Amino acid sequence: MSMATRIKKREYENGIIPSKEQRYREGIRMWCNYWRQNPSRLVEDYFGYSGLHLFQKIILHLMFKSSTFFYLASRGQGKSYLIAWFMICYCVLYPNVKIIIASSTRKQSGLIVREKILKELMKYPNVKKEIKEWKDSLNEVNVTFYNGSTIDVVVSNENARGFRSQINIYEEFVKIDKDVHEKVLKRFKSTDRLAKYKDNPKYKKYQSNETNKDLYISSCSYESNWSWRIIKNSLKEMANGNDYGVIALPYPISVYEGITKRK
């Protein structure tokens, strides 16, 4: 009969055992750091959804790591569902972050919040537990989290001025007007995230390595579209090892993964 293995107790600095609250906070810090590096594991471990395909996990990881990211995809790859998971994960892991999702029409951009987050992802208890309130009306669609993070839906036109964000998501960006993109939407990202630790005078001048993000999600278009130049530049930056990401996936990937049927 084998003997039970003795569990080695954790050794604390100076032999001082931290309080229950201190251990709780340390646990949160460790898990948040882990999930920030592995967002797909947050989806599985905390939210309880295990249906992400490998290519979707890779894209989710690139969204977290890139300051500028392009995802060009054919229909049937679950783009909207993946964007919804990204927004939920990022809002939970980064308190007080402001995310803007923009599209050429309110119906298109509001669809992700209305159909994917409110109707589908809210079915998962831990997703519902993180969301404080939401608005879903003709003129206003947004989600507010208990930790202060927000998701706002805007239409890409001149009337969208005045919003502030750290992350802009351009849904079907090939249909967004170039001037509105440059003169209105991109200027939302004028402030950094208001992290609570900066309220502590000790960290008042601390420079975080967090970067604001532009995420472009769309089906493909023609080289004559204004976005083609930005895509090429982003591809060069990614090849040079900078925090840019470009990924283009054709129709066969969704057939191979069983997401859609061969037609």
Protein backbone atom coordinates (compact mmCIF):
# COMPACT_ATOMS: atom_id res chain seq x y z
CA MET A 1 0.00 0.00 0.00
CA SER A 2 1.44 3.35 -1.05
CA MET A 3 1.72 6.17 1.41
CA ALA A 4 0.02 9.50 0.77
CA THR A 5 2.34 12.27 -0.40
CA ARG A 6 2.80 15.06 2.09
CA ILE A 7 1.79 18.41 0.62
CA LYS A 8 4.47 21.04 1.03
CA LYS A 9 3.10 24.20 2.53
CA ARG A 10 3.78 27.42 0.69
CA GLU A 11 6.61 29.46 2.11
CA TYR A 12 5.80 33.14 2.56
CA GLU A 13 8.22 36.03 2.65
CA ASN A 14 9.56 36.72 6.14
CA GLY A 15 7.44 33.83 7.40
CA ILE A 16 4.35 36.08 7.55
CA ILE A 17 1.16 34.37 6.46
CA PRO A 18 -1.05 36.87 4.56
CA SER A 19 -4.66 37.41 5.52
CA LYS A 20 -7.56 35.78 3.70
CA GLU A 21 -8.26 39.00 1.79
CA GLN A 22 -4.62 39.32 0.76
CA ARG A 23 -4.57 35.73 -0.50
CA TYR A 24 -7.83 36.38 -2.36
CA ARG A 25 -6.38 39.47 -4.08
CA GLU A 26 -3.18 37.64 -4.93
CA GLY A 27 -5.21 34.83 -6.48
CA ILE A 28 -7.17 37.31 -8.60
CA ARG A 29 -3.94 38.96 -9.75
CA MET A 30 -2.40 35.64 -10.77
CA TRP A 31 -5.47 34.40 -12.62
CA CYS A 32 -5.99 37.75 -14.41
CA ASN A 33 -2.38 37.72 -15.58
CA TYR A 34 -2.81 34.15 -16.82
CA TRP A 35 -6.08 34.86 -18.64
CA ARG A 36 -4.74 38.05 -20.21
CA GLN A 37 -2.06 35.90 -21.82
CA ASN A 38 -4.55 33.10 -22.64
CA PRO A 39 -7.98 34.65 -23.33
CA SER A 40 -9.36 31.45 -24.85
CA ARG A 41 -8.83 29.76 -21.48
CA LEU A 42 -10.95 32.46 -19.82
CA VAL A 43 -13.75 31.55 -22.24
CA GLU A 44 -13.39 27.88 -21.28
CA ASP A 45 -12.39 27.99 -17.60
CA TYR A 46 -14.46 30.88 -16.29
CA PHE A 47 -17.34 31.36 -18.70
CA GLY A 48 -17.78 27.66 -19.42
CA TYR A 49 -17.86 27.73 -23.24
CA SER A 50 -15.67 25.07 -24.87
CA GLY A 51 -16.78 25.49 -28.49
CA LEU A 52 -14.00 27.72 -29.83
CA HIS A 53 -12.13 26.18 -32.75
CA LEU A 54 -8.33 26.35 -32.91
CA PHE A 55 -8.26 29.11 -35.53
CA GLN A 56 -10.70 31.14 -33.42
CA LYS A 57 -8.47 30.76 -30.36
CA ILE A 58 -5.52 32.02 -32.40
CA ILE A 59 -7.50 35.02 -33.66
CA LEU A 60 -8.69 35.83 -30.14
CA HIS A 61 -5.08 35.74 -28.95
CA LEU A 62 -3.99 38.07 -31.77
CA MET A 63 -6.78 40.51 -30.91
CA PHE A 64 -5.44 40.75 -27.37
CA LYS A 65 -1.81 41.16 -28.48
CA SER A 66 -2.16 43.54 -31.45
CA SER A 67 -2.59 47.30 -31.44
CA THR A 68 -3.87 47.08 -35.03
CA PHE A 69 -5.51 43.90 -36.24
CA PHE A 70 -7.24 42.87 -39.46
CA TYR A 71 -9.43 39.79 -39.78
CA LEU A 72 -10.60 39.18 -43.35
CA ALA A 73 -12.95 36.25 -43.59
CA SER A 74 -15.55 34.57 -45.72
CA ARG A 75 -19.05 34.04 -44.41
CA GLY A 76 -19.71 31.27 -41.93
CA GLN A 77 -16.61 31.63 -39.75
CA GLY A 78 -18.42 33.02 -36.71
CA LYS A 79 -16.89 36.51 -36.92
CA SER A 80 -19.64 38.20 -34.90
CA TYR A 81 -19.61 35.49 -32.23
CA LEU A 82 -15.83 35.80 -31.88
CA ILE A 83 -16.02 39.60 -31.60
CA ALA A 84 -18.63 39.21 -28.86
CA TRP A 85 -16.35 36.89 -26.88
CA PHE A 86 -13.43 39.25 -27.33
CA MET A 87 -15.41 42.19 -25.95
CA ILE A 88 -16.69 40.20 -22.97
CA CYS A 89 -13.21 38.90 -22.11
CA TYR A 90 -11.46 42.24 -22.49
CA CYS A 91 -14.07 44.14 -20.50
CA VAL A 92 -13.83 41.65 -17.63
CA LEU A 93 -10.02 41.50 -17.56
CA TYR A 94 -9.43 45.25 -17.96
CA PRO A 95 -11.71 47.27 -15.64
CA ASN A 96 -12.91 50.67 -16.88
CA VAL A 97 -11.99 49.95 -20.50
CA LYS A 98 -14.21 51.61 -23.10
CA ILE A 99 -14.95 49.71 -26.30
CA ILE A 100 -16.64 51.22 -29.35
CA ILE A 101 -18.06 49.03 -32.09
CA ALA A 102 -18.77 50.92 -35.30
CA SER A 103 -20.37 49.97 -38.57
CA SER A 104 -21.93 51.68 -41.56
CA THR A 105 -25.40 51.09 -40.10
CA ARG A 106 -26.69 50.88 -36.52
CA LYS A 107 -28.43 47.60 -37.32
CA GLN A 108 -25.16 45.99 -38.37
CA SER A 109 -23.10 47.11 -35.35
CA GLY A 110 -25.96 46.64 -32.91
CA LEU A 111 -26.46 43.09 -34.11
CA ILE A 112 -23.38 41.81 -32.26
CA VAL A 113 -24.50 43.25 -28.93
CA ARG A 114 -28.17 42.46 -29.36
CA GLU A 115 -28.02 38.99 -30.91
CA LYS A 116 -24.70 37.62 -29.67
CA ILE A 117 -24.15 39.13 -26.21
CA LEU A 118 -27.66 39.79 -24.90
CA LYS A 119 -29.39 36.76 -26.44
CA GLU A 120 -26.65 34.13 -26.53
CA LEU A 121 -23.70 34.84 -24.23
CA MET A 122 -25.90 36.06 -21.39
CA LYS A 123 -27.08 32.46 -21.07
CA TYR A 124 -23.74 31.69 -19.41
CA PRO A 125 -24.08 32.47 -15.68
CA ASN A 126 -20.66 34.09 -15.28
CA VAL A 127 -21.21 36.35 -18.29
CA LYS A 128 -24.53 37.48 -16.83
CA LYS A 129 -22.89 37.98 -13.43
CA GLU A 130 -20.33 40.43 -14.86
CA ILE A 131 -22.87 42.64 -16.66
CA LYS A 132 -24.51 45.37 -14.59
CA GLU A 133 -26.97 46.81 -17.13
CA TRP A 134 -27.62 47.29 -20.81
CA LYS A 135 -29.67 49.45 -23.15
CA ASP A 136 -31.17 48.22 -26.38
CA SER A 137 -33.25 50.88 -28.10
CA LEU A 138 -33.50 52.43 -31.54
CA ASN A 139 -31.09 55.25 -30.65
CA GLU A 140 -28.86 53.64 -28.04
CA VAL A 141 -27.25 50.22 -27.66
CA ASN A 142 -24.66 49.67 -24.94
CA VAL A 143 -23.51 47.32 -22.18
CA THR A 144 -22.08 48.32 -18.78
CA PHE A 145 -20.08 45.96 -16.57
CA TYR A 146 -19.83 45.99 -12.78
CA ASN A 147 -16.11 46.80 -13.01
CA GLY A 148 -16.81 49.99 -14.98
CA SER A 149 -16.07 48.69 -18.49
CA THR A 150 -18.48 49.65 -21.27
CA ILE A 151 -19.39 48.66 -24.82
CA ASP A 152 -21.06 51.30 -27.01
CA VAL A 153 -22.50 50.93 -30.48
CA VAL A 154 -22.09 53.85 -32.90
CA VAL A 155 -22.95 54.49 -36.52
CA SER A 156 -19.99 55.56 -38.62
CA ASN A 157 -21.09 59.05 -39.62
CA GLU A 158 -20.39 62.68 -38.67
CA ASN A 159 -22.90 62.52 -35.80
CA ALA A 160 -20.76 60.00 -33.91
CA ARG A 161 -18.37 62.68 -32.59
CA GLY A 162 -17.87 62.95 -28.84
CA PHE A 163 -17.27 59.33 -27.86
CA ARG A 164 -14.09 58.25 -26.09
CA SER A 165 -12.59 54.77 -26.19
CA GLN A 166 -9.50 52.64 -25.82
CA ILE A 167 -10.60 50.02 -28.35
CA ASN A 168 -12.35 50.61 -31.67
CA ILE A 169 -13.88 47.66 -33.49
CA TYR A 170 -14.82 48.36 -37.12
CA GLU A 171 -17.44 45.86 -38.19
CA GLU A 172 -17.53 45.38 -42.00
CA PHE A 173 -14.97 48.17 -42.23
CA VAL A 174 -14.85 48.03 -46.05
CA LYS A 175 -18.27 49.73 -46.05
CA ILE A 176 -17.18 52.56 -43.71
CA ASP A 177 -16.43 55.91 -45.32
CA LYS A 178 -12.70 56.73 -45.35
CA ASP A 179 -13.11 60.34 -44.13
CA VAL A 180 -15.39 59.29 -41.27
CA HIS A 181 -12.87 56.62 -40.27
CA GLU A 182 -9.95 59.08 -40.22
CA LYS A 183 -11.63 62.25 -38.92
CA VAL A 184 -14.24 60.86 -36.53
CA LEU A 185 -13.83 57.24 -35.43
CA LYS A 186 -10.04 57.03 -34.99
CA ARG A 187 -10.08 60.17 -32.85
CA PHE A 188 -12.16 58.39 -30.20
CA LYS A 189 -8.94 56.83 -28.88
CA SER A 190 -7.60 59.99 -27.23
CA THR A 191 -7.38 58.71 -23.65
CA ASP A 192 -5.84 55.76 -21.82
CA ARG A 193 -7.77 53.33 -19.64
CA LEU A 194 -8.51 54.75 -16.18
CA ALA A 195 -7.06 51.90 -14.16
CA LYS A 196 -7.89 52.11 -10.44
CA TYR A 197 -4.31 51.48 -9.34
CA LYS A 198 -3.45 54.94 -10.70
CA ASP A 199 -5.48 56.44 -7.85
CA ASN A 200 -2.62 55.34 -5.60
CA PRO A 201 -0.01 58.15 -5.48
CA LYS A 202 2.68 55.46 -5.64
CA TYR A 203 1.65 54.64 -9.23
CA LYS A 204 0.54 58.10 -10.34
CA LYS A 205 3.39 58.46 -12.86
CA TYR A 206 3.59 54.79 -13.78
CA GLN A 207 3.60 54.25 -17.55
CA SER A 208 1.60 51.16 -18.47
CA ASN A 209 2.51 49.08 -21.52
CA GLU A 210 -1.16 48.83 -22.51
CA THR A 211 -1.92 50.14 -25.99
CA ASN A 212 -5.17 51.34 -27.48
CA LYS A 213 -6.46 49.15 -30.28
CA ASP A 214 -8.00 49.29 -33.74
CA LEU A 215 -9.63 45.99 -34.74
CA TYR A 216 -10.89 45.68 -38.32
CA ILE A 217 -13.28 42.83 -39.07
CA SER A 218 -14.83 42.27 -42.48
CA SER A 219 -15.35 40.11 -45.50
CA CYS A 220 -12.92 40.82 -48.32
CA SER A 221 -13.21 43.67 -50.81
CA TYR A 222 -11.26 45.11 -53.76
CA GLU A 223 -7.80 46.70 -53.83
CA SER A 224 -9.47 49.99 -54.73
CA ASN A 225 -10.97 50.16 -51.22
CA TRP A 226 -9.26 52.70 -48.92
CA SER A 227 -8.42 49.98 -46.39
CA TRP A 228 -6.10 48.08 -48.74
CA ARG A 229 -3.22 50.49 -48.12
CA ILE A 230 -3.59 50.12 -44.33
CA ILE A 231 -3.74 46.33 -44.63
CA LYS A 232 -0.50 46.22 -46.62
CA ASN A 233 1.26 48.51 -44.15
CA SER A 234 0.00 46.43 -41.22
CA LEU A 235 1.25 43.25 -42.89
CA LYS A 236 4.73 44.79 -43.21
CA GLU A 237 4.67 45.85 -39.56
CA MET A 238 3.65 42.35 -38.49
CA ALA A 239 6.47 40.84 -40.57
CA ASN A 240 8.90 43.18 -38.80
CA GLY A 241 7.82 41.85 -35.42
CA ASN A 242 5.68 44.79 -34.31
CA ASP A 243 2.32 44.47 -32.52
CA TYR A 244 0.24 44.30 -35.69
CA GLY A 245 -1.81 41.38 -36.92
CA VAL A 246 -3.34 40.45 -40.27
CA ILE A 247 -5.15 37.19 -40.91
CA ALA A 248 -7.24 36.24 -43.95
CA LEU A 249 -9.13 32.95 -43.99
CA PRO A 250 -11.05 31.52 -46.97
CA TYR A 251 -14.29 29.58 -47.12
CA PRO A 252 -12.71 26.06 -46.80
CA ILE A 253 -11.62 26.70 -43.20
CA SER A 254 -15.22 26.85 -41.99
CA VAL A 255 -16.05 23.69 -43.98
CA TYR A 256 -13.02 21.87 -42.56
CA GLU A 257 -13.94 22.85 -38.98
CA GLY A 258 -17.55 21.77 -39.51
CA ILE A 259 -18.95 25.26 -38.92
CA THR A 260 -20.71 25.32 -42.27
CA LYS A 261 -21.57 22.72 -44.89
CA ARG A 262 -19.95 22.32 -48.28
CA LYS A 263 -22.20 23.78 -50.98
